[in-house]
Amino acid sequence: MVIEVVRIGQRLVRDDRVTTHVALVSRAFGAEKIFMTEVNPEIKDTLEKINGTWGGEFKLEFIDKWKSIVKKKKEENFTIVHLTMYGENINDIQEKLQKEKDLLVVVGAEKVPREIYELADFNVGVGSQPHSEISALAILLDRIQKGKQFERIFSDAKRKIIPTKNGKNVQVKETRD
């Protein structure tokens, strides 16, 4: 399954950190790429540093218009999943989503245009109370992959966390210059 994410919009000041976290959750929870509009370019530097230290090839692509990406991905037979409080309950549709081949997950920031509700194959609600788009994305990605995303191994990682009952155990790969 290929998973990509598109972040629509950003509220100034508040959202640099939130948008960075949407990207970090996308990466850590198994997405391969994120598309972003109206974003601080420093976020790309942050993600490149994370890839360099923790491994992987997660990509960030800046875009001008979300609609062109959504339409392009539909033409490529991606299933469009829009995260919204007002959608179908994730408990009711997670099994359908698990069977899909390629997904584009749409995560909004500000008020999302009505058109995305119509373009999406699934409008998915994670809970029925206000909460963060970061948590909704993490829950969605975990549910559709059944936790398997945490089994990935990044062979190019310079650091790797070794699970331990107490304390911290980080394996650091020595590099030669």
Protein backbone atom coordinates (compact mmCIF):
# COMPACT_ATOMS: atom_id res chain seq x y z
CA MET A 1 0.00 0.00 0.00
CA VAL A 2 1.31 3.45 -0.91
CA ILE A 3 0.21 6.25 1.41
CA GLU A 4 0.67 9.92 0.71
CA VAL A 5 -0.70 12.94 2.55
CA VAL A 6 -1.75 16.39 1.41
CA ARG A 7 -1.96 19.25 3.90
CA ILE A 8 -4.40 21.96 2.83
CA GLY A 9 -3.61 25.45 4.03
CA GLN A 10 -2.01 26.76 7.16
CA ARG A 11 -3.03 29.30 9.73
CA LEU A 12 -0.16 31.72 10.16
CA VAL A 13 1.95 31.63 13.32
CA ARG A 14 0.09 28.70 15.00
CA ASP A 15 0.55 26.20 12.25
CA ASP A 16 4.30 25.97 11.57
CA ARG A 17 4.61 23.62 14.51
CA VAL A 18 1.34 21.79 13.81
CA THR A 19 2.21 21.35 10.13
CA THR A 20 5.67 20.04 11.07
CA HIS A 21 3.97 17.52 13.34
CA VAL A 22 1.55 16.47 10.59
CA ALA A 23 4.60 15.75 8.44
CA LEU A 24 6.43 13.90 11.24
CA VAL A 25 3.38 11.73 11.99
CA SER A 26 2.95 11.04 8.27
CA ARG A 27 6.55 9.85 8.09
CA ALA A 28 6.58 7.87 11.34
CA PHE A 29 3.23 6.22 10.64
CA GLY A 30 4.09 4.90 7.19
CA ALA A 31 3.33 7.55 4.58
CA GLU A 32 5.91 7.98 1.83
CA LYS A 33 5.25 11.59 0.92
CA ILE A 34 3.47 14.74 1.96
CA PHE A 35 2.28 17.59 -0.25
CA MET A 36 1.95 21.01 1.38
CA THR A 37 0.58 24.40 0.47
CA GLU A 38 1.49 27.72 2.12
CA VAL A 39 4.27 26.30 4.25
CA ASN A 40 7.45 27.57 5.85
CA PRO A 41 10.35 26.10 3.82
CA GLU A 42 12.23 25.31 7.07
CA ILE A 43 9.90 22.33 7.49
CA LYS A 44 11.62 20.66 4.53
CA ASP A 45 15.02 21.14 6.24
CA THR A 46 13.64 19.57 9.43
CA LEU A 47 12.37 16.51 7.54
CA GLU A 48 15.66 16.09 5.68
CA LYS A 49 17.52 16.12 9.02
CA ILE A 50 15.11 13.54 10.45
CA ASN A 51 15.60 11.30 7.39
CA GLY A 52 19.38 11.72 7.71
CA THR A 53 19.43 10.70 11.36
CA TRP A 54 16.59 8.19 11.61
CA GLY A 55 16.67 6.83 8.05
CA GLY A 56 14.17 6.59 5.26
CA GLU A 57 13.32 8.61 2.20
CA PHE A 58 10.17 10.45 3.23
CA LYS A 59 9.52 13.26 0.75
CA LEU A 60 7.93 16.68 1.04
CA GLU A 61 6.66 18.47 -2.05
CA PHE A 62 5.46 22.06 -1.99
CA ILE A 63 2.40 22.66 -4.16
CA ASP A 64 0.38 25.71 -5.16
CA LYS A 65 -3.06 24.13 -5.37
CA TRP A 66 -4.35 21.12 -3.45
CA LYS A 67 -7.08 20.42 -6.01
CA SER A 68 -4.64 19.56 -8.81
CA ILE A 69 -2.89 16.96 -6.62
CA VAL A 70 -6.18 15.41 -5.52
CA LYS A 71 -7.40 15.18 -9.12
CA LYS A 72 -4.06 13.80 -10.34
CA LYS A 73 -4.05 11.12 -7.64
CA LYS A 74 -7.64 10.17 -8.49
CA GLU A 75 -6.52 9.66 -12.10
CA GLU A 76 -3.70 7.42 -10.77
CA ASN A 77 -6.37 5.36 -8.94
CA PHE A 78 -5.48 6.55 -5.46
CA THR A 79 -8.34 6.43 -2.98
CA ILE A 80 -8.89 9.90 -1.53
CA VAL A 81 -9.47 9.90 2.24
CA HIS A 82 -10.45 13.22 3.78
CA LEU A 83 -10.08 13.51 7.55
CA THR A 84 -12.98 15.47 9.02
CA MET A 85 -14.99 15.40 12.23
CA TYR A 86 -18.11 15.19 10.11
CA GLY A 87 -17.27 12.03 8.18
CA GLU A 88 -18.14 8.38 8.58
CA ASN A 89 -16.90 6.92 11.84
CA ILE A 90 -13.52 5.26 11.40
CA ASN A 91 -14.75 2.21 13.34
CA ASP A 92 -17.33 1.61 10.62
CA ILE A 93 -15.03 1.92 7.60
CA GLN A 94 -11.50 0.99 8.68
CA GLU A 95 -11.79 -2.50 7.16
CA LYS A 96 -12.75 -1.00 3.79
CA LEU A 97 -9.77 1.35 3.96
CA GLN A 98 -7.41 -1.52 4.83
CA LYS A 99 -8.30 -3.16 1.50
CA GLU A 100 -7.46 -0.11 -0.61
CA LYS A 101 -4.25 -0.15 -2.63
CA ASP A 102 -3.03 3.46 -2.69
CA LEU A 103 -4.28 6.27 -0.45
CA LEU A 104 -4.04 10.03 -0.48
CA VAL A 105 -5.02 11.36 2.93
CA VAL A 106 -6.24 14.96 3.00
CA VAL A 107 -5.58 16.87 6.21
CA GLY A 108 -7.01 20.36 6.54
CA ALA A 109 -5.84 23.28 8.62
CA GLU A 110 -8.36 26.03 8.21
CA LYS A 111 -11.93 25.65 7.03
CA VAL A 112 -11.73 23.10 4.24
CA PRO A 113 -13.46 23.95 0.95
CA ARG A 114 -16.75 22.09 0.41
CA GLU A 115 -15.35 20.66 -2.80
CA ILE A 116 -12.98 18.30 -0.96
CA TYR A 117 -15.98 16.54 0.62
CA GLU A 118 -17.23 15.80 -2.90
CA LEU A 119 -13.85 14.80 -4.38
CA ALA A 120 -13.04 12.42 -1.52
CA ASP A 121 -13.89 8.75 -1.81
CA PHE A 122 -14.14 8.64 1.98
CA ASN A 123 -14.81 11.44 4.46
CA VAL A 124 -13.57 9.93 7.72
CA GLY A 125 -14.26 11.08 11.24
CA VAL A 126 -12.01 10.01 14.08
CA GLY A 127 -14.24 10.60 17.08
CA SER A 128 -17.05 13.09 17.34
CA GLN A 129 -15.37 15.72 19.49
CA PRO A 130 -13.00 18.53 18.50
CA HIS A 131 -9.36 17.43 18.53
CA SER A 132 -6.16 17.86 16.61
CA GLU A 133 -5.64 16.88 12.99
CA ILE A 134 -2.36 15.36 14.18
CA SER A 135 -4.13 12.83 16.37
CA ALA A 136 -6.72 12.07 13.69
CA LEU A 137 -3.96 11.36 11.15
CA ALA A 138 -2.05 9.12 13.57
CA ILE A 139 -5.15 7.10 14.42
CA LEU A 140 -6.20 6.74 10.78
CA LEU A 141 -2.74 5.61 9.64
CA ASP A 142 -2.45 3.17 12.52
CA ARG A 143 -5.90 1.66 11.96
CA ILE A 144 -5.47 1.13 8.22
CA GLN A 145 -2.04 -0.49 8.63
CA LYS A 146 -2.89 -2.45 11.80
CA GLY A 147 0.34 -1.33 13.48
CA LYS A 148 2.56 -2.89 10.79
CA GLN A 149 4.13 0.52 10.03
CA PHE A 150 6.09 0.21 13.27
CA GLU A 151 7.85 -2.92 12.03
CA ARG A 152 9.65 -1.05 9.25
CA ILE A 153 13.41 -1.05 9.40
CA PHE A 154 15.38 1.89 8.04
CA SER A 155 18.72 0.36 7.03
CA ASP A 156 20.23 3.81 6.46
CA ALA A 157 19.38 5.06 9.97
CA LYS A 158 22.22 6.56 12.02
CA ARG A 159 20.14 6.12 15.17
CA LYS A 160 17.72 3.43 16.21
CA ILE A 161 15.67 3.15 19.36
CA ILE A 162 15.90 -0.22 21.05
CA PRO A 163 12.71 -0.87 23.04
CA THR A 164 13.40 -1.26 26.73
CA LYS A 165 11.29 -1.55 29.85
CA ASN A 166 13.21 1.13 31.75
CA GLY A 167 15.37 4.02 30.62
CA LYS A 168 16.47 4.86 27.10
CA ASN A 169 18.42 2.74 24.68
CA VAL A 170 19.48 4.37 21.42
CA GLN A 171 21.80 2.52 19.10
CA VAL A 172 24.11 4.91 17.25
CA LYS A 173 25.67 3.68 14.03
CA GLU A 174 29.27 4.79 13.70
CA THR A 175 30.12 6.59 10.48
CA ARG A 176 33.53 6.92 8.89
CA ASP A 177 34.57 10.17 7.30
